[in-house]
Amino acid sequence: MSHTPLASRRQFLGSTAISLGAASLGLAWTGAATAQNAAGTTAASFGPIRQVEAGLLNVGYAELGPVDGPVVVLLHGWPYDIHSFAEVAPLLVAQGYRVIVPHLRGHGSTRFLSVDSFRNGQQAAVALDIIALLDALKIPRALFAAFDWGARTADIIAALWPERCEALVSVSGYLIGNREANKAPLPPAAEYAWWYQFYFATERGRLGYEKNRDAFARLIWQTASPMWRFDDATFARSAASLDNPDHVAIVIHNYRWRQGLADGEARYDALERRLATGPTIGVPTIVLEGDANGAPHAVGDAAFRHKFTGKYQYRLIEGGIGHNLPQEAPAAFAQAVLDVARL
């Protein structure tokens, strides 16, 4: 199982301009994050990516920082990629962290080892991918920080495998899904916010996403982060990861599975039954939310606060911060990682 580095950390760090130094991190979350929107403009890429065989996949991932440092795993969402953390990662490296940023299945250079593997997007499958990655890299325990699909994945690991999770930073809180609960209709405004889920339920939606992948992703970026003024180069850098040959199949299955319109795999049934009970999370947790999040999300933490039974904080990041919080407010996100390790 090879995980040979293909690019040096020094090259990445040397080409990344970070205007917010370590001294400013302690103030990042308290309110004024508007200036951090500058992180939405063109920034350096991670460059060439490492690869390792892990479970069903050959996983592409970025790695930065000292090999003997405390490990933090950063997990992206959809339709985003590892570059959501391009500005967060060097801030954490500067504090001594070993930072691992994997492409989720169906993104970037991550590929299935077998052509016969079902292109499955259900929540338990994605979570087990990350457990397999930890095993492949011989990492017994890590701090997890994530948003969107990544936050759901990190929540699951914290709930079901707390021995692998040092602490948790979760954007938008508790995101573990329950397919039976998903059958209950929502108020019209809430249903409207999930328009793409219903579009993906149709064959027209699958074909439309396949044909218009970039335009679709750009629309989601704009609606989920209405105040974020990202430029074309920043978008293109992440959109390239959506060209993965398994991407459409996994995204479509993910949303159809959530609605009970597609079956999962029997190998995950026992895990899904546990997740359907809404297991609590006992590891130290900081929940982050942007004040301009245009994606479906809970307002405040009252709806899920009881799910976190350990040390806990909720932080609203102000200044027009949307759904892609680590890329829009990297210093606030990095500060939450540093702080949750000390809770």
C-alpha atoms as a PDB file:
ATOM      1  CA  MET A   1       0.000   0.000   0.000  1.00  0.00           C
ATOM      2  CA  SER A   2       1.970   2.945  -1.284  1.00  0.00           C
ATOM      3  CA  HIS A   3       1.560   6.500  -0.064  1.00  0.00           C
ATOM      4  CA  THR A   4       4.653   8.068  -1.615  1.00  0.00           C
ATOM      5  CA  PRO A   5       4.671  11.904  -1.582  1.00  0.00           C
ATOM      6  CA  LEU A   6       4.569  13.484  -5.014  1.00  0.00           C
ATOM      7  CA  ALA A   7       5.169  17.066  -3.948  1.00  0.00           C
ATOM      8  CA  SER A   8       6.977  18.698  -1.073  1.00  0.00           C
ATOM      9  CA  ARG A   9       5.184  20.518   1.708  1.00  0.00           C
ATOM     10  CA  ARG A  10       7.804  23.251   1.424  1.00  0.00           C
ATOM     11  CA  GLN A  11       6.818  23.995  -2.168  1.00  0.00           C
ATOM     12  CA  PHE A  12       3.169  24.387  -1.164  1.00  0.00           C
ATOM     13  CA  LEU A  13       3.849  26.489   1.884  1.00  0.00           C
ATOM     14  CA  GLY A  14       6.271  28.680   0.001  1.00  0.00           C
ATOM     15  CA  SER A  15       3.721  29.496  -2.687  1.00  0.00           C
ATOM     16  CA  THR A  16       0.755  30.123  -0.382  1.00  0.00           C
ATOM     17  CA  ALA A  17       0.168  33.684   0.758  1.00  0.00           C
ATOM     18  CA  ILE A  18      -1.498  33.841   4.185  1.00  0.00           C
ATOM     19  CA  SER A  19      -2.142  37.319   5.480  1.00  0.00           C
ATOM     20  CA  LEU A  20      -3.542  36.121   8.811  1.00  0.00           C
ATOM     21  CA  GLY A  21      -0.717  35.055  11.119  1.00  0.00           C
ATOM     22  CA  ALA A  22      -0.947  32.888  14.183  1.00  0.00           C
ATOM     23  CA  ALA A  23      -1.341  35.923  16.422  1.00  0.00           C
ATOM     24  CA  SER A  24      -4.624  36.886  14.762  1.00  0.00           C
ATOM     25  CA  LEU A  25      -6.198  33.438  14.978  1.00  0.00           C
ATOM     26  CA  GLY A  26      -7.498  33.982  18.485  1.00  0.00           C
ATOM     27  CA  LEU A  27      -9.789  36.770  17.271  1.00  0.00           C
ATOM     28  CA  ALA A  28     -10.979  35.150  14.067  1.00  0.00           C
ATOM     29  CA  TRP A  29     -14.244  33.639  15.248  1.00  0.00           C
ATOM     30  CA  THR A  30     -15.577  36.464  17.377  1.00  0.00           C
ATOM     31  CA  GLY A  31     -17.388  38.381  14.664  1.00  0.00           C
ATOM     32  CA  ALA A  32     -15.578  40.270  11.938  1.00  0.00           C
ATOM     33  CA  ALA A  33     -14.756  37.698   9.281  1.00  0.00           C
ATOM     34  CA  THR A  34     -15.549  39.870   6.271  1.00  0.00           C
ATOM     35  CA  ALA A  35     -11.909  40.385   5.343  1.00  0.00           C
ATOM     36  CA  GLN A  36     -11.472  36.635   5.164  1.00  0.00           C
ATOM     37  CA  ASN A  37     -13.628  36.550   2.051  1.00  0.00           C
ATOM     38  CA  ALA A  38     -10.436  37.480   0.240  1.00  0.00           C
ATOM     39  CA  ALA A  39      -9.573  33.793   0.619  1.00  0.00           C
ATOM     40  CA  GLY A  40     -12.153  33.157  -2.101  1.00  0.00           C
ATOM     41  CA  THR A  41      -9.827  34.657  -4.675  1.00  0.00           C
ATOM     42  CA  THR A  42      -7.180  32.695  -6.502  1.00  0.00           C
ATOM     43  CA  ALA A  43      -4.831  30.851  -4.139  1.00  0.00           C
ATOM     44  CA  ALA A  44      -2.107  28.251  -4.538  1.00  0.00           C
ATOM     45  CA  SER A  45      -3.096  24.661  -5.151  1.00  0.00           C
ATOM     46  CA  PHE A  46      -1.939  21.736  -3.059  1.00  0.00           C
ATOM     47  CA  GLY A  47      -0.126  20.558  -6.178  1.00  0.00           C
ATOM     48  CA  PRO A  48       0.460  16.860  -6.987  1.00  0.00           C
ATOM     49  CA  ILE A  49      -1.324  14.487  -4.650  1.00  0.00           C
ATOM     50  CA  ARG A  50      -0.297  11.346  -2.767  1.00  0.00           C
ATOM     51  CA  GLN A  51      -2.136   8.058  -3.358  1.00  0.00           C
ATOM     52  CA  VAL A  52      -2.755   5.113  -1.042  1.00  0.00           C
ATOM     53  CA  GLU A  53      -4.824   1.936  -1.314  1.00  0.00           C
ATOM     54  CA  ALA A  54      -7.412   1.978   1.450  1.00  0.00           C
ATOM     55  CA  GLY A  55     -10.416  -0.332   1.624  1.00  0.00           C
ATOM     56  CA  LEU A  56     -12.280  -0.274  -1.687  1.00  0.00           C
ATOM     57  CA  LEU A  57     -10.373   2.728  -2.990  1.00  0.00           C
ATOM     58  CA  ASN A  58      -7.103   4.160  -4.121  1.00  0.00           C
ATOM     59  CA  VAL A  59      -7.429   7.444  -2.241  1.00  0.00           C
ATOM     60  CA  GLY A  60      -5.916  10.707  -3.397  1.00  0.00           C
ATOM     61  CA  TYR A  61      -4.952  12.985  -0.534  1.00  0.00           C
ATOM     62  CA  ALA A  62      -2.825  15.973   0.360  1.00  0.00           C
ATOM     63  CA  GLU A  63      -0.506  15.734   3.342  1.00  0.00           C
ATOM     64  CA  LEU A  64       1.342  18.609   4.992  1.00  0.00           C
ATOM     65  CA  GLY A  65       3.174  19.163   8.249  1.00  0.00           C
ATOM     66  CA  PRO A  66       5.481  17.126  10.501  1.00  0.00           C
ATOM     67  CA  VAL A  67       5.006  13.351  10.336  1.00  0.00           C
ATOM     68  CA  ASP A  68       5.140  13.179  14.138  1.00  0.00           C
ATOM     69  CA  GLY A  69       2.656  16.000  14.709  1.00  0.00           C
ATOM     70  CA  PRO A  70      -0.891  15.547  16.019  1.00  0.00           C
ATOM     71  CA  VAL A  71      -3.090  14.526  13.095  1.00  0.00           C
ATOM     72  CA  VAL A  72      -6.038  16.510  11.792  1.00  0.00           C
ATOM     73  CA  VAL A  73      -8.166  15.125   8.946  1.00  0.00           C
ATOM     74  CA  LEU A  74     -10.044  17.728   6.898  1.00  0.00           C
ATOM     75  CA  LEU A  75     -13.067  16.474   4.937  1.00  0.00           C
ATOM     76  CA  HIS A  76     -14.712  18.400   2.103  1.00  0.00           C
ATOM     77  CA  GLY A  77     -18.277  18.434   0.864  1.00  0.00           C
ATOM     78  CA  TRP A  78     -20.200  18.465  -2.420  1.00  0.00           C
ATOM     79  CA  PRO A  79     -19.746  20.055  -4.925  1.00  0.00           C
ATOM     80  CA  TYR A  80     -16.375  21.055  -3.512  1.00  0.00           C
ATOM     81  CA  ASP A  81     -12.994  19.395  -3.093  1.00  0.00           C
ATOM     82  CA  ILE A  82      -9.817  19.435  -1.019  1.00  0.00           C
ATOM     83  CA  HIS A  83      -9.117  23.060  -1.999  1.00  0.00           C
ATOM     84  CA  SER A  84     -11.760  24.182   0.471  1.00  0.00           C
ATOM     85  CA  PHE A  85      -8.877  23.738   2.934  1.00  0.00           C
ATOM     86  CA  ALA A  86      -6.049  25.247   0.890  1.00  0.00           C
ATOM     87  CA  GLU A  87      -5.816  28.235   3.239  1.00  0.00           C
ATOM     88  CA  VAL A  88      -6.670  26.311   6.429  1.00  0.00           C
ATOM     89  CA  ALA A  89      -3.967  23.660   6.044  1.00  0.00           C
ATOM     90  CA  PRO A  90      -0.868  25.912   6.285  1.00  0.00           C
ATOM     91  CA  LEU A  91      -2.340  27.690   9.322  1.00  0.00           C
ATOM     92  CA  LEU A  92      -2.544  24.326  11.081  1.00  0.00           C
ATOM     93  CA  VAL A  93       0.888  23.227   9.885  1.00  0.00           C
ATOM     94  CA  ALA A  94       2.307  26.414  11.411  1.00  0.00           C
ATOM     95  CA  GLN A  95       0.924  25.163  14.751  1.00  0.00           C
ATOM     96  CA  GLY A  96       2.654  21.792  14.393  1.00  0.00           C
ATOM     97  CA  TYR A  97      -0.169  19.688  12.956  1.00  0.00           C
ATOM     98  CA  ARG A  98       0.139  16.874  10.451  1.00  0.00           C
ATOM     99  CA  VAL A  99      -2.713  17.666   8.066  1.00  0.00           C
ATOM    100  CA  ILE A 100      -4.427  15.017   5.909  1.00  0.00           C
ATOM    101  CA  VAL A 101      -6.924  16.193   3.268  1.00  0.00           C
ATOM    102  CA  PRO A 102      -8.453  13.324   1.234  1.00  0.00           C
ATOM    103  CA  HIS A 103     -10.612  13.430  -1.867  1.00  0.00           C
ATOM    104  CA  LEU A 104     -13.881  11.658  -1.013  1.00  0.00           C
ATOM    105  CA  ARG A 105     -14.997   8.835  -3.287  1.00  0.00           C
ATOM    106  CA  GLY A 106     -16.038  10.209  -6.657  1.00  0.00           C
ATOM    107  CA  HIS A 107     -13.770  13.257  -6.379  1.00  0.00           C
ATOM    108  CA  GLY A 108     -10.315  14.169  -7.596  1.00  0.00           C
ATOM    109  CA  SER A 109      -7.820  11.332  -8.011  1.00  0.00           C
ATOM    110  CA  THR A 110      -9.659   8.886  -5.726  1.00  0.00           C
ATOM    111  CA  ARG A 111     -10.608   5.746  -7.670  1.00  0.00           C
ATOM    112  CA  PHE A 112     -12.222   2.376  -6.977  1.00  0.00           C
ATOM    113  CA  LEU A 113      -9.806  -0.535  -7.026  1.00  0.00           C
ATOM    114  CA  SER A 114     -12.335  -2.731  -8.827  1.00  0.00           C
ATOM    115  CA  VAL A 115     -14.526  -1.924 -11.816  1.00  0.00           C
ATOM    116  CA  ASP A 116     -17.122  -4.215 -10.213  1.00  0.00           C
ATOM    117  CA  SER A 117     -17.533  -2.145  -7.028  1.00  0.00           C
ATOM    118  CA  PHE A 118     -20.946  -0.534  -6.716  1.00  0.00           C
ATOM    119  CA  ARG A 119     -20.657   3.245  -6.985  1.00  0.00           C
ATOM    120  CA  ASN A 120     -22.311   3.803  -3.643  1.00  0.00           C
ATOM    121  CA  GLY A 121     -22.849   7.217  -2.053  1.00  0.00           C
ATOM    122  CA  GLN A 122     -24.579   6.168   1.166  1.00  0.00           C
ATOM    123  CA  GLN A 123     -23.324   7.692   4.404  1.00  0.00           C
ATOM    124  CA  ALA A 124     -21.909   4.534   6.015  1.00  0.00           C
ATOM    125  CA  ALA A 125     -19.857   3.692   2.930  1.00  0.00           C
ATOM    126  CA  VAL A 126     -18.223   7.126   2.830  1.00  0.00           C
ATOM    127  CA  ALA A 127     -17.434   6.987   6.549  1.00  0.00           C
ATOM    128  CA  LEU A 128     -15.797   3.582   6.234  1.00  0.00           C
ATOM    129  CA  ASP A 129     -13.621   4.964   3.431  1.00  0.00           C
ATOM    130  CA  ILE A 130     -12.067   7.346   5.942  1.00  0.00           C
ATOM    131  CA  ILE A 131     -11.622   4.654   8.591  1.00  0.00           C
ATOM    132  CA  ALA A 132      -9.826   2.584   5.929  1.00  0.00           C
ATOM    133  CA  LEU A 133      -7.651   5.594   5.099  1.00  0.00           C
ATOM    134  CA  LEU A 134      -6.639   5.972   8.756  1.00  0.00           C
ATOM    135  CA  ASP A 135      -5.735   2.282   8.821  1.00  0.00           C
ATOM    136  CA  ALA A 136      -3.731   2.518   5.594  1.00  0.00           C
ATOM    137  CA  LEU A 137      -1.761   5.488   6.933  1.00  0.00           C
ATOM    138  CA  LYS A 138      -1.361   3.791  10.339  1.00  0.00           C
ATOM    139  CA  ILE A 139      -3.092   6.658  12.115  1.00  0.00           C
ATOM    140  CA  PRO A 140      -4.838   5.309  15.231  1.00  0.00           C
ATOM    141  CA  ARG A 141      -6.607   8.540  16.153  1.00  0.00           C
ATOM    142  CA  ALA A 142      -7.144  11.982  14.615  1.00  0.00           C
ATOM    143  CA  LEU A 143      -8.965  15.241  15.074  1.00  0.00           C
ATOM    144  CA  PHE A 144     -11.640  15.695  12.387  1.00  0.00           C
ATOM    145  CA  ALA A 145     -12.790  19.013  10.935  1.00  0.00           C
ATOM    146  CA  ALA A 146     -15.266  19.147   8.076  1.00  0.00           C
ATOM    147  CA  PHE A 147     -18.332  20.551   6.315  1.00  0.00           C
ATOM    148  CA  ASP A 148     -21.241  19.250   4.209  1.00  0.00           C
ATOM    149  CA  TRP A 149     -20.720  15.581   3.175  1.00  0.00           C
ATOM    150  CA  GLY A 150     -17.458  15.714   5.088  1.00  0.00           C
ATOM    151  CA  ALA A 151     -19.165  16.883   8.282  1.00  0.00           C
ATOM    152  CA  ARG A 152     -21.680  14.056   8.037  1.00  0.00           C
ATOM    153  CA  THR A 153     -18.787  11.638   7.615  1.00  0.00           C
ATOM    154  CA  ALA A 154     -16.881  13.101  10.565  1.00  0.00           C
ATOM    155  CA  ASP A 155     -20.033  13.044  12.720  1.00  0.00           C
ATOM    156  CA  ILE A 156     -20.468   9.349  11.938  1.00  0.00           C
ATOM    157  CA  ILE A 157     -16.882   8.526  12.850  1.00  0.00           C
ATOM    158  CA  ALA A 158     -17.189  10.483  16.107  1.00  0.00           C
ATOM    159  CA  ALA A 159     -20.443   8.678  16.963  1.00  0.00           C
ATOM    160  CA  LEU A 160     -19.583   5.100  15.964  1.00  0.00           C
ATOM    161  CA  TRP A 161     -15.797   5.027  16.333  1.00  0.00           C
ATOM    162  CA  PRO A 162     -14.992   7.561  19.083  1.00  0.00           C
ATOM    163  CA  GLU A 163     -11.716   5.765  19.746  1.00  0.00           C
ATOM    164  CA  ARG A 164     -10.540   7.016  16.323  1.00  0.00           C
ATOM    165  CA  CYS A 165     -11.701  10.611  16.887  1.00  0.00           C
ATOM    166  CA  GLU A 166      -9.743  12.947  19.153  1.00  0.00           C
ATOM    167  CA  ALA A 167     -12.164  15.849  18.710  1.00  0.00           C
ATOM    168  CA  LEU A 168     -14.547  17.283  16.129  1.00  0.00           C
ATOM    169  CA  VAL A 169     -15.194  20.534  14.275  1.00  0.00           C
ATOM    170  CA  SER A 170     -18.478  20.176  12.398  1.00  0.00           C
ATOM    171  CA  VAL A 171     -19.968  22.890  10.214  1.00  0.00           C
ATOM    172  CA  SER A 172     -23.775  22.990  10.620  1.00  0.00           C
ATOM    173  CA  GLY A 173     -23.792  20.548  13.509  1.00  0.00           C
ATOM    174  CA  TYR A 174     -25.288  17.054  13.625  1.00  0.00           C
ATOM    175  CA  LEU A 175     -25.784  15.765  10.081  1.00  0.00           C
ATOM    176  CA  ILE A 176     -26.198  11.999  10.500  1.00  0.00           C
ATOM    177  CA  GLY A 177     -29.123  10.952   8.309  1.00  0.00           C
ATOM    178  CA  ASN A 178     -32.201   8.816   8.914  1.00  0.00           C
ATOM    179  CA  ARG A 179     -33.978   7.632   5.761  1.00  0.00           C
ATOM    180  CA  GLU A 180     -37.255   6.941   7.543  1.00  0.00           C
ATOM    181  CA  ALA A 181     -37.285  10.435   9.024  1.00  0.00           C
ATOM    182  CA  ASN A 182     -36.493  11.838   5.584  1.00  0.00           C
ATOM    183  CA  LYS A 183     -39.865  10.558   4.341  1.00  0.00           C
ATOM    184  CA  ALA A 184     -41.695  13.192   6.375  1.00  0.00           C
ATOM    185  CA  PRO A 185     -42.556  16.268   4.258  1.00  0.00           C
ATOM    186  CA  LEU A 186     -41.021  19.603   5.186  1.00  0.00           C
ATOM    187  CA  PRO A 187     -42.586  23.067   4.960  1.00  0.00           C
ATOM    188  CA  PRO A 188     -42.575  24.366   1.368  1.00  0.00           C
ATOM    189  CA  ALA A 189     -39.662  26.759   1.855  1.00  0.00           C
ATOM    190  CA  ALA A 190     -37.515  23.965   3.259  1.00  0.00           C
ATOM    191  CA  GLU A 191     -38.468  21.623   0.426  1.00  0.00           C
ATOM    192  CA  TYR A 192     -37.561  24.346  -2.057  1.00  0.00           C
ATOM    193  CA  ALA A 193     -34.066  24.574  -0.579  1.00  0.00           C
ATOM    194  CA  TRP A 194     -33.570  20.890  -1.429  1.00  0.00           C
ATOM    195  CA  TRP A 195     -34.568  21.354  -5.096  1.00  0.00           C
ATOM    196  CA  TYR A 196     -31.506  19.533  -6.429  1.00  0.00           C
ATOM    197  CA  GLN A 197     -32.328  16.437  -4.369  1.00  0.00           C
ATOM    198  CA  PHE A 198     -35.641  16.110  -6.207  1.00  0.00           C
ATOM    199  CA  TYR A 199     -33.998  16.881  -9.546  1.00  0.00           C
ATOM    200  CA  PHE A 200     -31.497  14.091  -8.957  1.00  0.00           C
ATOM    201  CA  ALA A 201     -34.357  11.675  -8.283  1.00  0.00           C
ATOM    202  CA  THR A 202     -35.205  11.779 -12.005  1.00  0.00           C
ATOM    203  CA  GLU A 203     -33.382  10.429 -15.020  1.00  0.00           C
ATOM    204  CA  ARG A 204     -33.562  13.919 -16.467  1.00  0.00           C
ATOM    205  CA  GLY A 205     -31.649  15.123 -13.393  1.00  0.00           C
ATOM    206  CA  ARG A 206     -28.937  12.503 -13.773  1.00  0.00           C
ATOM    207  CA  LEU A 207     -28.456  13.352 -17.433  1.00  0.00           C
ATOM    208  CA  GLY A 208     -28.576  17.059 -16.684  1.00  0.00           C
ATOM    209  CA  TYR A 209     -25.891  16.800 -14.020  1.00  0.00           C
ATOM    210  CA  GLU A 210     -23.700  14.706 -16.303  1.00  0.00           C
ATOM    211  CA  LYS A 211     -24.038  17.252 -19.114  1.00  0.00           C
ATOM    212  CA  ASN A 212     -23.809  20.454 -17.042  1.00  0.00           C
ATOM    213  CA  ARG A 213     -21.558  19.461 -14.161  1.00  0.00           C
ATOM    214  CA  ASP A 214     -19.578  22.709 -13.942  1.00  0.00           C
ATOM    215  CA  ALA A 215     -22.586  24.984 -14.374  1.00  0.00           C
ATOM    216  CA  PHE A 216     -24.470  23.013 -11.745  1.00  0.00           C
ATOM    217  CA  ALA A 217     -21.611  23.230  -9.251  1.00  0.00           C
ATOM    218  CA  ARG A 218     -21.201  26.960  -9.844  1.00  0.00           C
ATOM    219  CA  LEU A 219     -24.911  27.504  -9.165  1.00  0.00           C
ATOM    220  CA  ILE A 220     -24.664  25.592  -5.882  1.00  0.00           C
ATOM    221  CA  TRP A 221     -21.605  27.615  -4.853  1.00  0.00           C
ATOM    222  CA  GLN A 222     -23.462  30.853  -5.567  1.00  0.00           C
ATOM    223  CA  THR A 223     -26.684  29.915  -3.780  1.00  0.00           C
ATOM    224  CA  ALA A 224     -24.971  28.241  -0.806  1.00  0.00           C
ATOM    225  CA  SER A 225     -22.570  31.168  -0.311  1.00  0.00           C
ATOM    226  CA  PRO A 226     -24.377  34.249  -1.679  1.00  0.00           C
ATOM    227  CA  MET A 227     -21.851  36.736  -0.251  1.00  0.00           C
ATOM    228  CA  TRP A 228     -18.706  34.871  -1.352  1.00  0.00           C
ATOM    229  CA  ARG A 229     -17.050  36.542  -4.340  1.00  0.00           C
ATOM    230  CA  PHE A 230     -14.941  33.662  -5.624  1.00  0.00           C
ATOM    231  CA  ASP A 231     -13.222  34.118  -8.972  1.00  0.00           C
ATOM    232  CA  ASP A 232     -13.187  31.849 -12.024  1.00  0.00           C
ATOM    233  CA  ALA A 233      -9.763  30.389 -11.274  1.00  0.00           C
ATOM    234  CA  THR A 234     -10.790  29.443  -7.735  1.00  0.00           C
ATOM    235  CA  PHE A 235     -13.889  27.699  -9.032  1.00  0.00           C
ATOM    236  CA  ALA A 236     -12.028  25.933 -11.851  1.00  0.00           C
ATOM    237  CA  ARG A 237      -9.440  24.607  -9.421  1.00  0.00           C
ATOM    238  CA  SER A 238     -12.121  22.675  -7.518  1.00  0.00           C
ATOM    239  CA  ALA A 239     -14.392  21.922 -10.480  1.00  0.00           C
ATOM    240  CA  ALA A 240     -11.588  19.846 -12.001  1.00  0.00           C
ATOM    241  CA  SER A 241     -12.084  17.347  -9.169  1.00  0.00           C
ATOM    242  CA  LEU A 242     -15.671  16.739 -10.283  1.00  0.00           C
ATOM    243  CA  ASP A 243     -14.409  15.218 -13.556  1.00  0.00           C
ATOM    244  CA  ASN A 244     -13.810  11.966 -11.682  1.00  0.00           C
ATOM    245  CA  PRO A 245     -15.380   9.114 -13.720  1.00  0.00           C
ATOM    246  CA  ASP A 246     -17.421   7.928 -10.714  1.00  0.00           C
ATOM    247  CA  HIS A 247     -18.578  11.362  -9.609  1.00  0.00           C
ATOM    248  CA  VAL A 248     -22.040  11.523 -11.159  1.00  0.00           C
ATOM    249  CA  ALA A 249     -22.966   7.974 -10.190  1.00  0.00           C
ATOM    250  CA  ILE A 250     -21.972   8.530  -6.557  1.00  0.00           C
ATOM    251  CA  VAL A 251     -23.706  11.907  -6.235  1.00  0.00           C
ATOM    252  CA  ILE A 252     -26.925  10.614  -7.785  1.00  0.00           C
ATOM    253  CA  HIS A 253     -26.890   7.512  -5.589  1.00  0.00           C
ATOM    254  CA  ASN A 254     -26.223   9.596  -2.474  1.00  0.00           C
ATOM    255  CA  TYR A 255     -29.313  11.738  -2.924  1.00  0.00           C
ATOM    256  CA  ARG A 256     -31.560   8.927  -4.155  1.00  0.00           C
ATOM    257  CA  TRP A 257     -30.489   6.734  -1.258  1.00  0.00           C
ATOM    258  CA  ARG A 258     -31.340   9.497   1.223  1.00  0.00           C
ATOM    259  CA  GLN A 259     -34.873   9.634  -0.133  1.00  0.00           C
ATOM    260  CA  GLY A 260     -35.314   5.856  -0.145  1.00  0.00           C
ATOM    261  CA  LEU A 261     -35.344   5.776  -3.950  1.00  0.00           C
ATOM    262  CA  ALA A 262     -32.211   3.641  -4.285  1.00  0.00           C
ATOM    263  CA  ASP A 263     -30.950   0.706  -2.262  1.00  0.00           C
ATOM    264  CA  GLY A 264     -27.664   0.651  -0.438  1.00  0.00           C
ATOM    265  CA  GLU A 265     -25.470  -2.411   0.027  1.00  0.00           C
ATOM    266  CA  ALA A 266     -26.229  -5.125   2.551  1.00  0.00           C
ATOM    267  CA  ARG A 267     -22.698  -4.879   3.952  1.00  0.00           C
ATOM    268  CA  TYR A 268     -23.654  -1.518   5.482  1.00  0.00           C
ATOM    269  CA  ASP A 269     -27.079  -2.477   6.848  1.00  0.00           C
ATOM    270  CA  ALA A 270     -25.959  -2.962  10.461  1.00  0.00           C
ATOM    271  CA  LEU A 271     -24.177   0.389  10.498  1.00  0.00           C
ATOM    272  CA  GLU A 272     -27.154   2.161   8.955  1.00  0.00           C
ATOM    273  CA  ARG A 273     -29.457   0.717  11.612  1.00  0.00           C
ATOM    274  CA  ARG A 274     -27.184   2.176  14.274  1.00  0.00           C
ATOM    275  CA  LEU A 275     -27.067   5.538  12.508  1.00  0.00           C
ATOM    276  CA  ALA A 276     -30.860   5.593  12.168  1.00  0.00           C
ATOM    277  CA  THR A 277     -31.122   5.686  15.973  1.00  0.00           C
ATOM    278  CA  GLY A 278     -29.367   9.067  16.008  1.00  0.00           C
ATOM    279  CA  PRO A 279     -26.343   8.083  18.110  1.00  0.00           C
ATOM    280  CA  THR A 280     -24.887  10.798  20.323  1.00  0.00           C
ATOM    281  CA  ILE A 281     -21.384  12.229  19.979  1.00  0.00           C
ATOM    282  CA  GLY A 282     -19.298  12.373  23.137  1.00  0.00           C
ATOM    283  CA  VAL A 283     -15.967  13.710  21.867  1.00  0.00           C
ATOM    284  CA  PRO A 284     -15.133  17.422  22.344  1.00  0.00           C
ATOM    285  CA  THR A 285     -16.926  19.351  19.599  1.00  0.00           C
ATOM    286  CA  ILE A 286     -17.104  22.840  18.177  1.00  0.00           C
ATOM    287  CA  VAL A 287     -19.994  23.455  15.788  1.00  0.00           C
ATOM    288  CA  LEU A 288     -19.526  26.294  13.296  1.00  0.00           C
ATOM    289  CA  GLU A 289     -22.147  28.083  11.221  1.00  0.00           C
ATOM    290  CA  GLY A 290     -21.839  30.915   8.755  1.00  0.00           C
ATOM    291  CA  ASP A 291     -24.252  33.820   9.080  1.00  0.00           C
ATOM    292  CA  ALA A 292     -24.935  33.777   5.315  1.00  0.00           C
ATOM    293  CA  ASN A 293     -25.252  30.027   4.748  1.00  0.00           C
ATOM    294  CA  GLY A 294     -27.628  29.598   1.811  1.00  0.00           C
ATOM    295  CA  ALA A 295     -27.684  25.794   1.951  1.00  0.00           C
ATOM    296  CA  PRO A 296     -30.272  23.878   3.992  1.00  0.00           C
ATOM    297  CA  HIS A 297     -29.250  24.042   7.649  1.00  0.00           C
ATOM    298  CA  ALA A 298     -30.631  24.414  11.153  1.00  0.00           C
ATOM    299  CA  VAL A 299     -30.963  27.930  12.566  1.00  0.00           C
ATOM    300  CA  GLY A 300     -29.009  27.898  15.792  1.00  0.00           C
ATOM    301  CA  ASP A 301     -28.193  24.654  17.571  1.00  0.00           C
ATOM    302  CA  ALA A 302     -31.358  23.988  19.566  1.00  0.00           C
ATOM    303  CA  ALA A 303     -32.446  21.210  17.215  1.00  0.00           C
ATOM    304  CA  PHE A 304     -29.272  19.166  17.672  1.00  0.00           C
ATOM    305  CA  ARG A 305     -27.555  20.386  20.841  1.00  0.00           C
ATOM    306  CA  HIS A 306     -28.657  17.283  22.752  1.00  0.00           C
ATOM    307  CA  LYS A 307     -26.761  15.079  20.307  1.00  0.00           C
ATOM    308  CA  PHE A 308     -23.418  16.334  21.648  1.00  0.00           C
ATOM    309  CA  THR A 309     -22.832  14.976  25.125  1.00  0.00           C
ATOM    310  CA  GLY A 310     -19.188  15.967  25.614  1.00  0.00           C
ATOM    311  CA  LYS A 311     -17.490  19.349  25.854  1.00  0.00           C
ATOM    312  CA  TYR A 312     -19.132  21.619  23.318  1.00  0.00           C
ATOM    313  CA  GLN A 313     -19.213  25.080  21.792  1.00  0.00           C
ATOM    314  CA  TYR A 314     -21.369  26.667  19.084  1.00  0.00           C
ATOM    315  CA  ARG A 315     -19.906  29.531  17.047  1.00  0.00           C
ATOM    316  CA  LEU A 316     -21.712  31.697  14.528  1.00  0.00           C
ATOM    317  CA  ILE A 317     -19.154  33.138  12.110  1.00  0.00           C
ATOM    318  CA  GLU A 318     -20.328  36.557  10.980  1.00  0.00           C
ATOM    319  CA  GLY A 319     -19.388  38.732   8.015  1.00  0.00           C
ATOM    320  CA  GLY A 320     -21.328  37.166   5.136  1.00  0.00           C
ATOM    321  CA  ILE A 321     -19.873  33.662   5.542  1.00  0.00           C
ATOM    322  CA  GLY A 322     -21.670  30.943   3.624  1.00  0.00           C
ATOM    323  CA  HIS A 323     -21.723  27.168   3.358  1.00  0.00           C
ATOM    324  CA  ASN A 324     -18.093  26.614   2.322  1.00  0.00           C
ATOM    325  CA  LEU A 325     -16.952  27.974   5.669  1.00  0.00           C
ATOM    326  CA  PRO A 326     -13.321  26.767   5.706  1.00  0.00           C
ATOM    327  CA  GLN A 327     -12.596  28.469   2.389  1.00  0.00           C
ATOM    328  CA  GLU A 328     -14.565  31.613   3.166  1.00  0.00           C
ATOM    329  CA  ALA A 329     -13.310  32.020   6.752  1.00  0.00           C
ATOM    330  CA  PRO A 330     -10.102  29.964   6.969  1.00  0.00           C
ATOM    331  CA  ALA A 331      -8.707  31.618  10.098  1.00  0.00           C
ATOM    332  CA  ALA A 332     -11.952  31.072  12.029  1.00  0.00           C
ATOM    333  CA  PHE A 333     -12.021  27.441  10.928  1.00  0.00           C
ATOM    334  CA  ALA A 334      -8.367  26.880  11.839  1.00  0.00           C
ATOM    335  CA  GLN A 335      -8.919  28.550  15.213  1.00  0.00           C
ATOM    336  CA  ALA A 336     -11.788  26.152  15.941  1.00  0.00           C
ATOM    337  CA  VAL A 337      -9.440  23.217  15.270  1.00  0.00           C
ATOM    338  CA  LEU A 338      -6.844  24.621  17.652  1.00  0.00           C
ATOM    339  CA  ASP A 339      -9.478  25.372  20.305  1.00  0.00           C
ATOM    340  CA  VAL A 340     -11.357  22.061  20.188  1.00  0.00           C
ATOM    341  CA  ALA A 341      -8.110  20.221  20.890  1.00  0.00           C
ATOM    342  CA  ARG A 342      -7.952  22.124  24.185  1.00  0.00           C
ATOM    343  CA  LEU A 343     -11.599  21.744  25.275  1.00  0.00           C
END
